[in-house]
Amino acid sequence: MDRGTIKAMIVEKLRQQKHDTADYVVSGKIKQYLKRICLAFPNETPAGQEFANVMFKIQDERHDKAVNMLVEKAMNERDDLGGNAYESIRQILVAVINNG
């Protein structure tokens, strides 16, 4: 799996498509991908359990808040959804970036 940062992968994809690479564009693209994949997470998958853990942390908030939190983590290159906490979500996001 590609270990580049989510942000760097999105920037490269945007450059290839000759689009703006400003942070607001990058975070918007990450949000678009995450919204698409997080709506379909069943709880029995590792990614679904990770997303459920994010939702549980902010239980009075809605789905959009959890997606926004994941976008912030993906934009932070020191965190970037790496490590054990979000590894399955990261793998799915990387696959979507590479294929979409």
PDB file of N, CA and C in Angstrom:
ATOM      1  N   MET A   1       0.849  -1.189   0.000  1.00  0.00           N
ATOM      2  CA  MET A   1       0.000   0.000   0.000  1.00  0.00           C
ATOM      3  C   MET A   1       0.884   1.238   0.000  1.00  0.00           C
ATOM      4  N   ASP A   2       0.451   2.262  -0.695  1.00  0.00           N
ATOM      5  CA  ASP A   2       1.164   3.533  -0.742  1.00  0.00           C
ATOM      6  C   ASP A   2       1.166   4.168   0.634  1.00  0.00           C
ATOM      7  N   ARG A   3       2.339   4.546   1.153  1.00  0.00           N
ATOM      8  CA  ARG A   3       2.418   5.152   2.486  1.00  0.00           C
ATOM      9  C   ARG A   3       2.577   6.660   2.412  1.00  0.00           C
ATOM     10  N   GLY A   4       2.388   7.266   1.239  1.00  0.00           N
ATOM     11  CA  GLY A   4       2.384   8.717   1.176  1.00  0.00           C
ATOM     12  C   GLY A   4       1.218   9.260   1.984  1.00  0.00           C
ATOM     13  N   THR A   5       1.285  10.519   2.334  1.00  0.00           N
ATOM     14  CA  THR A   5       0.180  11.083   3.107  1.00  0.00           C
ATOM     15  C   THR A   5      -1.055  11.219   2.225  1.00  0.00           C
ATOM     16  N   ILE A   6      -2.202  11.176   2.869  1.00  0.00           N
ATOM     17  CA  ILE A   6      -3.470  11.365   2.150  1.00  0.00           C
ATOM     18  C   ILE A   6      -3.434  12.706   1.420  1.00  0.00           C
ATOM     19  N   LYS A   7      -2.994  13.729   2.120  1.00  0.00           N
ATOM     20  CA  LYS A   7      -2.943  15.069   1.542  1.00  0.00           C
ATOM     21  C   LYS A   7      -2.061  15.089   0.284  1.00  0.00           C
ATOM     22  N   ALA A   8      -0.889  14.469   0.354  1.00  0.00           N
ATOM     23  CA  ALA A   8       0.030  14.447  -0.790  1.00  0.00           C
ATOM     24  C   ALA A   8      -0.569  13.679  -1.964  1.00  0.00           C
ATOM     25  N   MET A   9      -1.281  12.583  -1.676  1.00  0.00           N
ATOM     26  CA  MET A   9      -1.913  11.814  -2.757  1.00  0.00           C
ATOM     27  C   MET A   9      -2.986  12.636  -3.460  1.00  0.00           C
ATOM     28  N   ILE A  10      -3.782  13.363  -2.677  1.00  0.00           N
ATOM     29  CA  ILE A  10      -4.845  14.201  -3.257  1.00  0.00           C
ATOM     30  C   ILE A  10      -4.228  15.337  -4.077  1.00  0.00           C
ATOM     31  N   VAL A  11      -3.186  15.984  -3.523  1.00  0.00           N
ATOM     32  CA  VAL A  11      -2.522  17.078  -4.244  1.00  0.00           C
ATOM     33  C   VAL A  11      -1.995  16.581  -5.583  1.00  0.00           C
ATOM     34  N   GLU A  12      -1.356  15.424  -5.588  1.00  0.00           N
ATOM     35  CA  GLU A  12      -0.813  14.871  -6.835  1.00  0.00           C
ATOM     36  C   GLU A  12      -1.930  14.588  -7.843  1.00  0.00           C
ATOM     37  N   LYS A  13      -3.022  14.025  -7.359  1.00  0.00           N
ATOM     38  CA  LYS A  13      -4.155  13.729  -8.244  1.00  0.00           C
ATOM     39  C   LYS A  13      -4.725  15.030  -8.831  1.00  0.00           C
ATOM     40  N   LEU A  14      -4.868  16.060  -7.996  1.00  0.00           N
ATOM     41  CA  LEU A  14      -5.377  17.351  -8.462  1.00  0.00           C
ATOM     42  C   LEU A  14      -4.429  17.974  -9.483  1.00  0.00           C
ATOM     43  N   ARG A  15      -3.124  17.879  -9.224  1.00  0.00           N
ATOM     44  CA  ARG A  15      -2.135  18.414 -10.176  1.00  0.00           C
ATOM     45  C   ARG A  15      -2.252  17.712 -11.529  1.00  0.00           C
ATOM     46  N   GLN A  16      -2.396  16.381 -11.494  1.00  0.00           N
ATOM     47  CA  GLN A  16      -2.526  15.627 -12.735  1.00  0.00           C
ATOM     48  C   GLN A  16      -3.753  16.077 -13.532  1.00  0.00           C
ATOM     49  N   GLN A  17      -4.804  16.467 -12.817  1.00  0.00           N
ATOM     50  CA  GLN A  17      -6.038  16.916 -13.457  1.00  0.00           C
ATOM     51  C   GLN A  17      -6.033  18.421 -13.716  1.00  0.00           C
ATOM     52  N   LYS A  18      -4.900  19.069 -13.384  1.00  0.00           N
ATOM     53  CA  LYS A  18      -4.720  20.517 -13.579  1.00  0.00           C
ATOM     54  C   LYS A  18      -5.737  21.347 -12.801  1.00  0.00           C
ATOM     55  N   HIS A  19      -6.012  20.913 -11.544  1.00  0.00           N
ATOM     56  CA  HIS A  19      -6.916  21.626 -10.650  1.00  0.00           C
ATOM     57  C   HIS A  19      -6.127  22.346  -9.563  1.00  0.00           C
ATOM     58  N   ASP A  20      -6.773  23.292  -8.911  1.00  0.00           N
ATOM     59  CA  ASP A  20      -6.204  24.027  -7.788  1.00  0.00           C
ATOM     60  C   ASP A  20      -5.825  23.053  -6.673  1.00  0.00           C
ATOM     61  N   THR A  21      -4.716  23.301  -5.989  1.00  0.00           N
ATOM     62  CA  THR A  21      -4.268  22.419  -4.902  1.00  0.00           C
ATOM     63  C   THR A  21      -4.253  23.126  -3.546  1.00  0.00           C
ATOM     64  N   ALA A  22      -5.036  24.192  -3.427  1.00  0.00           N
ATOM     65  CA  ALA A  22      -5.133  24.894  -2.149  1.00  0.00           C
ATOM     66  C   ALA A  22      -5.707  23.952  -1.085  1.00  0.00           C
ATOM     67  N   ASP A  23      -5.366  24.211   0.173  1.00  0.00           N
ATOM     68  CA  ASP A  23      -5.818  23.342   1.270  1.00  0.00           C
ATOM     69  C   ASP A  23      -7.334  23.152   1.282  1.00  0.00           C
ATOM     70  N   TYR A  24      -8.089  24.218   1.007  1.00  0.00           N
ATOM     71  CA  TYR A  24      -9.552  24.075   1.052  1.00  0.00           C
ATOM     72  C   TYR A  24     -10.051  23.134  -0.049  1.00  0.00           C
ATOM     73  N   VAL A  25      -9.360  23.103  -1.182  1.00  0.00           N
ATOM     74  CA  VAL A  25      -9.736  22.192  -2.262  1.00  0.00           C
ATOM     75  C   VAL A  25      -9.380  20.757  -1.874  1.00  0.00           C
ATOM     76  N   VAL A  26      -8.197  20.574  -1.293  1.00  0.00           N
ATOM     77  CA  VAL A  26      -7.745  19.246  -0.865  1.00  0.00           C
ATOM     78  C   VAL A  26      -8.674  18.692   0.208  1.00  0.00           C
ATOM     79  N   SER A  27      -8.981  19.498   1.230  1.00  0.00           N
ATOM     80  CA  SER A  27      -9.862  19.005   2.298  1.00  0.00           C
ATOM     81  C   SER A  27     -11.261  18.727   1.761  1.00  0.00           C
ATOM     82  N   GLY A  28     -11.717  19.523   0.809  1.00  0.00           N
ATOM     83  CA  GLY A  28     -13.025  19.277   0.195  1.00  0.00           C
ATOM     84  C   GLY A  28     -13.055  17.957  -0.557  1.00  0.00           C
ATOM     85  N   LYS A  29     -11.963  17.645  -1.251  1.00  0.00           N
ATOM     86  CA  LYS A  29     -11.877  16.389  -1.992  1.00  0.00           C
ATOM     87  C   LYS A  29     -11.837  15.203  -1.020  1.00  0.00           C
ATOM     88  N   ILE A  30     -11.070  15.336   0.068  1.00  0.00           N
ATOM     89  CA  ILE A  30     -11.020  14.277   1.085  1.00  0.00           C
ATOM     90  C   ILE A  30     -12.406  14.070   1.673  1.00  0.00           C
ATOM     91  N   LYS A  31     -13.091  15.167   1.976  1.00  0.00           N
ATOM     92  CA  LYS A  31     -14.438  15.073   2.543  1.00  0.00           C
ATOM     93  C   LYS A  31     -15.385  14.370   1.576  1.00  0.00           C
ATOM     94  N   GLN A  32     -15.288  14.704   0.308  1.00  0.00           N
ATOM     95  CA  GLN A  32     -16.127  14.075  -0.712  1.00  0.00           C
ATOM     96  C   GLN A  32     -15.898  12.561  -0.720  1.00  0.00           C
ATOM     97  N   TYR A  33     -14.646  12.124  -0.716  1.00  0.00           N
ATOM     98  CA  TYR A  33     -14.335  10.695  -0.703  1.00  0.00           C
ATOM     99  C   TYR A  33     -14.830  10.025   0.574  1.00  0.00           C
ATOM    100  N   LEU A  34     -14.568  10.652   1.723  1.00  0.00           N
ATOM    101  CA  LEU A  34     -14.965  10.053   3.003  1.00  0.00           C
ATOM    102  C   LEU A  34     -16.475   9.955   3.137  1.00  0.00           C
ATOM    103  N   LYS A  35     -17.196  10.980   2.711  1.00  0.00           N
ATOM    104  CA  LYS A  35     -18.660  10.919   2.782  1.00  0.00           C
ATOM    105  C   LYS A  35     -19.182   9.745   1.974  1.00  0.00           C
ATOM    106  N   ARG A  36     -18.589   9.553   0.807  1.00  0.00           N
ATOM    107  CA  ARG A  36     -19.025   8.472  -0.069  1.00  0.00           C
ATOM    108  C   ARG A  36     -18.753   7.098   0.556  1.00  0.00           C
ATOM    109  N   ILE A  37     -17.588   6.913   1.164  1.00  0.00           N
ATOM    110  CA  ILE A  37     -17.273   5.590   1.690  1.00  0.00           C
ATOM    111  C   ILE A  37     -17.820   5.357   3.093  1.00  0.00           C
ATOM    112  N   CYS A  38     -17.925   6.389   3.924  1.00  0.00           N
ATOM    113  CA  CYS A  38     -18.360   6.187   5.306  1.00  0.00           C
ATOM    114  C   CYS A  38     -19.855   5.910   5.428  1.00  0.00           C
ATOM    115  N   LEU A  39     -20.634   6.336   4.472  1.00  0.00           N
ATOM    116  CA  LEU A  39     -22.068   6.066   4.523  1.00  0.00           C
ATOM    117  C   LEU A  39     -22.373   4.577   4.395  1.00  0.00           C
ATOM    118  N   ALA A  40     -21.449   3.828   3.808  1.00  0.00           N
ATOM    119  CA  ALA A  40     -21.711   2.413   3.533  1.00  0.00           C
ATOM    120  C   ALA A  40     -21.006   1.456   4.484  1.00  0.00           C
ATOM    121  N   PHE A  41     -20.377   1.959   5.554  1.00  0.00           N
ATOM    122  CA  PHE A  41     -19.621   1.073   6.447  1.00  0.00           C
ATOM    123  C   PHE A  41     -20.525   0.192   7.294  1.00  0.00           C
ATOM    124  N   PRO A  42     -20.486  -1.119   7.089  1.00  0.00           N
ATOM    125  CA  PRO A  42     -21.179  -2.012   8.036  1.00  0.00           C
ATOM    126  C   PRO A  42     -20.309  -2.194   9.278  1.00  0.00           C
ATOM    127  N   ASN A  43     -20.926  -2.318  10.439  1.00  0.00           N
ATOM    128  CA  ASN A  43     -20.183  -2.387  11.696  1.00  0.00           C
ATOM    129  C   ASN A  43     -19.287  -3.598  11.832  1.00  0.00           C
ATOM    130  N   GLU A  44     -19.567  -4.668  11.090  1.00  0.00           N
ATOM    131  CA  GLU A  44     -18.773  -5.876  11.280  1.00  0.00           C
ATOM    132  C   GLU A  44     -17.416  -5.842  10.569  1.00  0.00           C
ATOM    133  N   THR A  45     -17.156  -4.827   9.747  1.00  0.00           N
ATOM    134  CA  THR A  45     -15.850  -4.710   9.098  1.00  0.00           C
ATOM    135  C   THR A  45     -14.910  -3.888   9.974  1.00  0.00           C
ATOM    136  N   PRO A  46     -13.585  -4.050   9.824  1.00  0.00           N
ATOM    137  CA  PRO A  46     -12.653  -3.223  10.606  1.00  0.00           C
ATOM    138  C   PRO A  46     -12.879  -1.731  10.377  1.00  0.00           C
ATOM    139  N   ALA A  47     -13.098  -1.328   9.115  1.00  0.00           N
ATOM    140  CA  ALA A  47     -13.330   0.090   8.831  1.00  0.00           C
ATOM    141  C   ALA A  47     -14.621   0.566   9.472  1.00  0.00           C
ATOM    142  N   GLY A  48     -15.653  -0.270   9.441  1.00  0.00           N
ATOM    143  CA  GLY A  48     -16.921   0.086  10.076  1.00  0.00           C
ATOM    144  C   GLY A  48     -16.771   0.241  11.576  1.00  0.00           C
ATOM    145  N   GLN A  49     -15.984  -0.624  12.198  1.00  0.00           N
ATOM    146  CA  GLN A  49     -15.748  -0.518  13.637  1.00  0.00           C
ATOM    147  C   GLN A  49     -14.953   0.739  13.964  1.00  0.00           C
ATOM    148  N   GLU A  50     -13.968   1.083  13.128  1.00  0.00           N
ATOM    149  CA  GLU A  50     -13.206   2.316  13.333  1.00  0.00           C
ATOM    150  C   GLU A  50     -14.123   3.527  13.227  1.00  0.00           C
ATOM    151  N   PHE A  51     -14.983   3.530  12.215  1.00  0.00           N
ATOM    152  CA  PHE A  51     -15.893   4.658  12.039  1.00  0.00           C
ATOM    153  C   PHE A  51     -16.877   4.727  13.203  1.00  0.00           C
ATOM    154  N   ALA A  52     -17.355   3.582  13.671  1.00  0.00           N
ATOM    155  CA  ALA A  52     -18.262   3.551  14.823  1.00  0.00           C
ATOM    156  C   ALA A  52     -17.569   4.118  16.062  1.00  0.00           C
ATOM    157  N   ASN A  53     -16.262   3.837  16.213  1.00  0.00           N
ATOM    158  CA  ASN A  53     -15.518   4.398  17.347  1.00  0.00           C
ATOM    159  C   ASN A  53     -15.442   5.918  17.258  1.00  0.00           C
ATOM    160  N   VAL A  54     -15.245   6.444  16.045  1.00  0.00           N
ATOM    161  CA  VAL A  54     -15.249   7.898  15.858  1.00  0.00           C
ATOM    162  C   VAL A  54     -16.617   8.455  16.222  1.00  0.00           C
ATOM    163  N   MET A  55     -17.677   7.802  15.740  1.00  0.00           N
ATOM    164  CA  MET A  55     -19.039   8.253  16.019  1.00  0.00           C
ATOM    165  C   MET A  55     -19.332   8.199  17.517  1.00  0.00           C
ATOM    166  N   PHE A  56     -18.850   7.159  18.197  1.00  0.00           N
ATOM    167  CA  PHE A  56     -19.101   7.015  19.624  1.00  0.00           C
ATOM    168  C   PHE A  56     -18.452   8.142  20.412  1.00  0.00           C
ATOM    169  N   LYS A  57     -17.255   8.550  19.990  1.00  0.00           N
ATOM    170  CA  LYS A  57     -16.557   9.646  20.666  1.00  0.00           C
ATOM    171  C   LYS A  57     -17.362  10.940  20.612  1.00  0.00           C
ATOM    172  N   ILE A  58     -18.139  11.103  19.553  1.00  0.00           N
ATOM    173  CA  ILE A  58     -18.917  12.333  19.386  1.00  0.00           C
ATOM    174  C   ILE A  58     -20.385  11.984  19.255  1.00  0.00           C
ATOM    175  N   GLN A  59     -20.873  11.183  20.194  1.00  0.00           N
ATOM    176  CA  GLN A  59     -22.191  10.590  20.059  1.00  0.00           C
ATOM    177  C   GLN A  59     -23.341  11.582  19.959  1.00  0.00           C
ATOM    178  N   ASP A  60     -23.211  12.831  20.442  1.00  0.00           N
ATOM    179  CA  ASP A  60     -24.335  13.757  20.278  1.00  0.00           C
ATOM    180  C   ASP A  60     -24.289  14.447  18.923  1.00  0.00           C
ATOM    181  N   GLU A  61     -23.291  14.152  18.131  1.00  0.00           N
ATOM    182  CA  GLU A  61     -23.154  14.794  16.822  1.00  0.00           C
ATOM    183  C   GLU A  61     -23.594  13.840  15.717  1.00  0.00           C
ATOM    184  N   ARG A  62     -23.669  14.371  14.524  1.00  0.00           N
ATOM    185  CA  ARG A  62     -24.116  13.558  13.389  1.00  0.00           C
ATOM    186  C   ARG A  62     -22.947  13.022  12.570  1.00  0.00           C
ATOM    187  N   HIS A  63     -23.288  12.269  11.549  1.00  0.00           N
ATOM    188  CA  HIS A  63     -22.335  11.659  10.631  1.00  0.00           C
ATOM    189  C   HIS A  63     -21.350  12.695  10.077  1.00  0.00           C
ATOM    190  N   ASP A  64     -21.843  13.878   9.709  1.00  0.00           N
ATOM    191  CA  ASP A  64     -20.980  14.908   9.130  1.00  0.00           C
ATOM    192  C   ASP A  64     -19.858  15.316  10.069  1.00  0.00           C
ATOM    193  N   LYS A  65     -20.133  15.350  11.375  1.00  0.00           N
ATOM    194  CA  LYS A  65     -19.100  15.713  12.341  1.00  0.00           C
ATOM    195  C   LYS A  65     -17.981  14.680  12.349  1.00  0.00           C
ATOM    196  N   ALA A  66     -18.347  13.399  12.282  1.00  0.00           N
ATOM    197  CA  ALA A  66     -17.341  12.337  12.261  1.00  0.00           C
ATOM    198  C   ALA A  66     -16.511  12.426  10.977  1.00  0.00           C
ATOM    199  N   VAL A  67     -17.172  12.673   9.854  1.00  0.00           N
ATOM    200  CA  VAL A  67     -16.446  12.820   8.595  1.00  0.00           C
ATOM    201  C   VAL A  67     -15.508  14.018   8.681  1.00  0.00           C
ATOM    202  N   ASN A  68     -15.977  15.130   9.246  1.00  0.00           N
ATOM    203  CA  ASN A  68     -15.125  16.314   9.391  1.00  0.00           C
ATOM    204  C   ASN A  68     -13.907  16.020  10.254  1.00  0.00           C
ATOM    205  N   MET A  69     -14.100  15.240  11.311  1.00  0.00           N
ATOM    206  CA  MET A  69     -12.986  14.870  12.175  1.00  0.00           C
ATOM    207  C   MET A  69     -11.967  14.033  11.396  1.00  0.00           C
ATOM    208  N   LEU A  70     -12.443  13.103  10.581  1.00  0.00           N
ATOM    209  CA  LEU A  70     -11.535  12.295   9.766  1.00  0.00           C
ATOM    210  C   LEU A  70     -10.827  13.144   8.714  1.00  0.00           C
ATOM    211  N   VAL A  71     -11.517  14.135   8.153  1.00  0.00           N
ATOM    212  CA  VAL A  71     -10.883  15.049   7.194  1.00  0.00           C
ATOM    213  C   VAL A  71      -9.744  15.798   7.877  1.00  0.00           C
ATOM    214  N   GLU A  72      -9.988  16.305   9.092  1.00  0.00           N
ATOM    215  CA  GLU A  72      -8.934  17.010   9.829  1.00  0.00           C
ATOM    216  C   GLU A  72      -7.728  16.109  10.049  1.00  0.00           C
ATOM    217  N   LYS A  73      -7.973  14.858  10.419  1.00  0.00           N
ATOM    218  CA  LYS A  73      -6.882  13.921  10.632  1.00  0.00           C
ATOM    219  C   LYS A  73      -6.141  13.625   9.331  1.00  0.00           C
ATOM    220  N   ALA A  74      -6.874  13.490   8.235  1.00  0.00           N
ATOM    221  CA  ALA A  74      -6.236  13.222   6.949  1.00  0.00           C
ATOM    222  C   ALA A  74      -5.408  14.413   6.472  1.00  0.00           C
ATOM    223  N   MET A  75      -5.839  15.633   6.802  1.00  0.00           N
ATOM    224  CA  MET A  75      -5.101  16.841   6.406  1.00  0.00           C
ATOM    225  C   MET A  75      -3.859  17.054   7.262  1.00  0.00           C
ATOM    226  N   ASN A  76      -3.836  16.477   8.462  1.00  0.00           N
ATOM    227  CA  ASN A  76      -2.702  16.627   9.359  1.00  0.00           C
ATOM    228  C   ASN A  76      -1.674  15.562   9.011  1.00  0.00           C
ATOM    229  N   GLU A  77      -0.617  15.951   8.341  1.00  0.00           N
ATOM    230  CA  GLU A  77       0.333  14.977   7.825  1.00  0.00           C
ATOM    231  C   GLU A  77       1.078  14.238   8.932  1.00  0.00           C
ATOM    232  N   ARG A  78       1.066  14.743  10.149  1.00  0.00           N
ATOM    233  CA  ARG A  78       1.697  14.005  11.251  1.00  0.00           C
ATOM    234  C   ARG A  78       0.791  12.895  11.754  1.00  0.00           C
ATOM    235  N   ASP A  79      -0.514  13.033  11.543  1.00  0.00           N
ATOM    236  CA  ASP A  79      -1.470  12.000  11.958  1.00  0.00           C
ATOM    237  C   ASP A  79      -1.891  11.203  10.724  1.00  0.00           C
ATOM    238  N   ASP A  80      -2.616  11.832   9.808  1.00  0.00           N
ATOM    239  CA  ASP A  80      -2.914  11.302   8.484  1.00  0.00           C
ATOM    240  C   ASP A  80      -3.612   9.940   8.482  1.00  0.00           C
ATOM    241  N   LEU A  81      -4.441   9.666   9.494  1.00  0.00           N
ATOM    242  CA  LEU A  81      -5.177   8.402   9.568  1.00  0.00           C
ATOM    243  C   LEU A  81      -4.256   7.192   9.604  1.00  0.00           C
ATOM    244  N   GLY A  82      -3.018   7.400  10.011  1.00  0.00           N
ATOM    245  CA  GLY A  82      -2.066   6.293  10.066  1.00  0.00           C
ATOM    246  C   GLY A  82      -2.162   5.537  11.374  1.00  0.00           C
ATOM    247  N   GLY A  83      -1.271   4.587  11.547  1.00  0.00           N
ATOM    248  CA  GLY A  83      -1.255   3.793  12.764  1.00  0.00           C
ATOM    249  C   GLY A  83      -2.421   2.830  12.833  1.00  0.00           C
ATOM    250  N   ASN A  84      -2.643   2.272  13.988  1.00  0.00           N
ATOM    251  CA  ASN A  84      -3.681   1.259  14.153  1.00  0.00           C
ATOM    252  C   ASN A  84      -5.085   1.845  14.257  1.00  0.00           C
ATOM    253  N   ALA A  85      -5.201   3.081  14.711  1.00  0.00           N
ATOM    254  CA  ALA A  85      -6.527   3.627  15.015  1.00  0.00           C
ATOM    255  C   ALA A  85      -7.433   3.740  13.792  1.00  0.00           C
ATOM    256  N   TYR A  86      -6.876   4.088  12.642  1.00  0.00           N
ATOM    257  CA  TYR A  86      -7.692   4.322  11.441  1.00  0.00           C
ATOM    258  C   TYR A  86      -7.138   3.604  10.214  1.00  0.00           C
ATOM    259  N   GLU A  87      -6.380   2.549  10.420  1.00  0.00           N
ATOM    260  CA  GLU A  87      -5.690   1.889   9.307  1.00  0.00           C
ATOM    261  C   GLU A  87      -6.645   1.369   8.229  1.00  0.00           C
ATOM    262  N   SER A  88      -7.763   0.784   8.615  1.00  0.00           N
ATOM    263  CA  SER A  88      -8.697   0.240   7.616  1.00  0.00           C
ATOM    264  C   SER A  88      -9.378   1.352   6.832  1.00  0.00           C
ATOM    265  N   ILE A  89      -9.751   2.423   7.524  1.00  0.00           N
ATOM    266  CA  ILE A  89     -10.346   3.573   6.829  1.00  0.00           C
ATOM    267  C   ILE A  89      -9.328   4.161   5.861  1.00  0.00           C
ATOM    268  N   ARG A  90      -8.076   4.277   6.310  1.00  0.00           N
ATOM    269  CA  ARG A  90      -7.018   4.809   5.443  1.00  0.00           C
ATOM    270  C   ARG A  90      -6.864   3.936   4.194  1.00  0.00           C
ATOM    271  N   GLN A  91      -6.850   2.612   4.354  1.00  0.00           N
ATOM    272  CA  GLN A  91      -6.689   1.720   3.209  1.00  0.00           C
ATOM    273  C   GLN A  91      -7.800   1.921   2.186  1.00  0.00           C
ATOM    274  N   ILE A  92      -9.028   2.043   2.662  1.00  0.00           N
ATOM    275  CA  ILE A  92     -10.154   2.249   1.746  1.00  0.00           C
ATOM    276  C   ILE A  92     -10.042   3.610   1.067  1.00  0.00           C
ATOM    277  N   LEU A  93      -9.675   4.633   1.837  1.00  0.00           N
ATOM    278  CA  LEU A  93      -9.528   5.981   1.277  1.00  0.00           C
ATOM    279  C   LEU A  93      -8.419   6.017   0.218  1.00  0.00           C
ATOM    280  N   VAL A  94      -7.289   5.374   0.491  1.00  0.00           N
ATOM    281  CA  VAL A  94      -6.193   5.317  -0.481  1.00  0.00           C
ATOM    282  C   VAL A  94      -6.654   4.623  -1.761  1.00  0.00           C
ATOM    283  N   ALA A  95      -7.404   3.527  -1.617  1.00  0.00           N
ATOM    284  CA  ALA A  95      -7.909   2.810  -2.795  1.00  0.00           C
ATOM    285  C   ALA A  95      -8.830   3.701  -3.615  1.00  0.00           C
ATOM    286  N   VAL A  96      -9.689   4.459  -2.942  1.00  0.00           N
ATOM    287  CA  VAL A  96     -10.609   5.359  -3.651  1.00  0.00           C
ATOM    288  C   VAL A  96      -9.834   6.464  -4.353  1.00  0.00           C
ATOM    289  N   ILE A  97      -8.821   7.007  -3.679  1.00  0.00           N
ATOM    290  CA  ILE A  97      -8.010   8.077  -4.294  1.00  0.00           C
ATOM    291  C   ILE A  97      -7.301   7.536  -5.528  1.00  0.00           C
ATOM    292  N   ASN A  98      -6.698   6.370  -5.405  1.00  0.00           N
ATOM    293  CA  ASN A  98      -5.939   5.792  -6.520  1.00  0.00           C
ATOM    294  C   ASN A  98      -6.823   5.380  -7.699  1.00  0.00           C
ATOM    295  N   ASN A  99      -8.054   5.010  -7.402  1.00  0.00           N
ATOM    296  CA  ASN A  99      -8.944   4.534  -8.466  1.00  0.00           C
ATOM    297  C   ASN A  99      -9.980   5.551  -8.909  1.00  0.00           C
ATOM    298  N   GLY A 100     -10.157   6.611  -8.134  1.00  0.00           N
ATOM    299  CA  GLY A 100     -11.244   7.517  -8.437  1.00  0.00           C
ATOM    300  C   GLY A 100     -10.809   8.824  -8.908  1.00  0.00           C
TER     301      GLY A 100
END
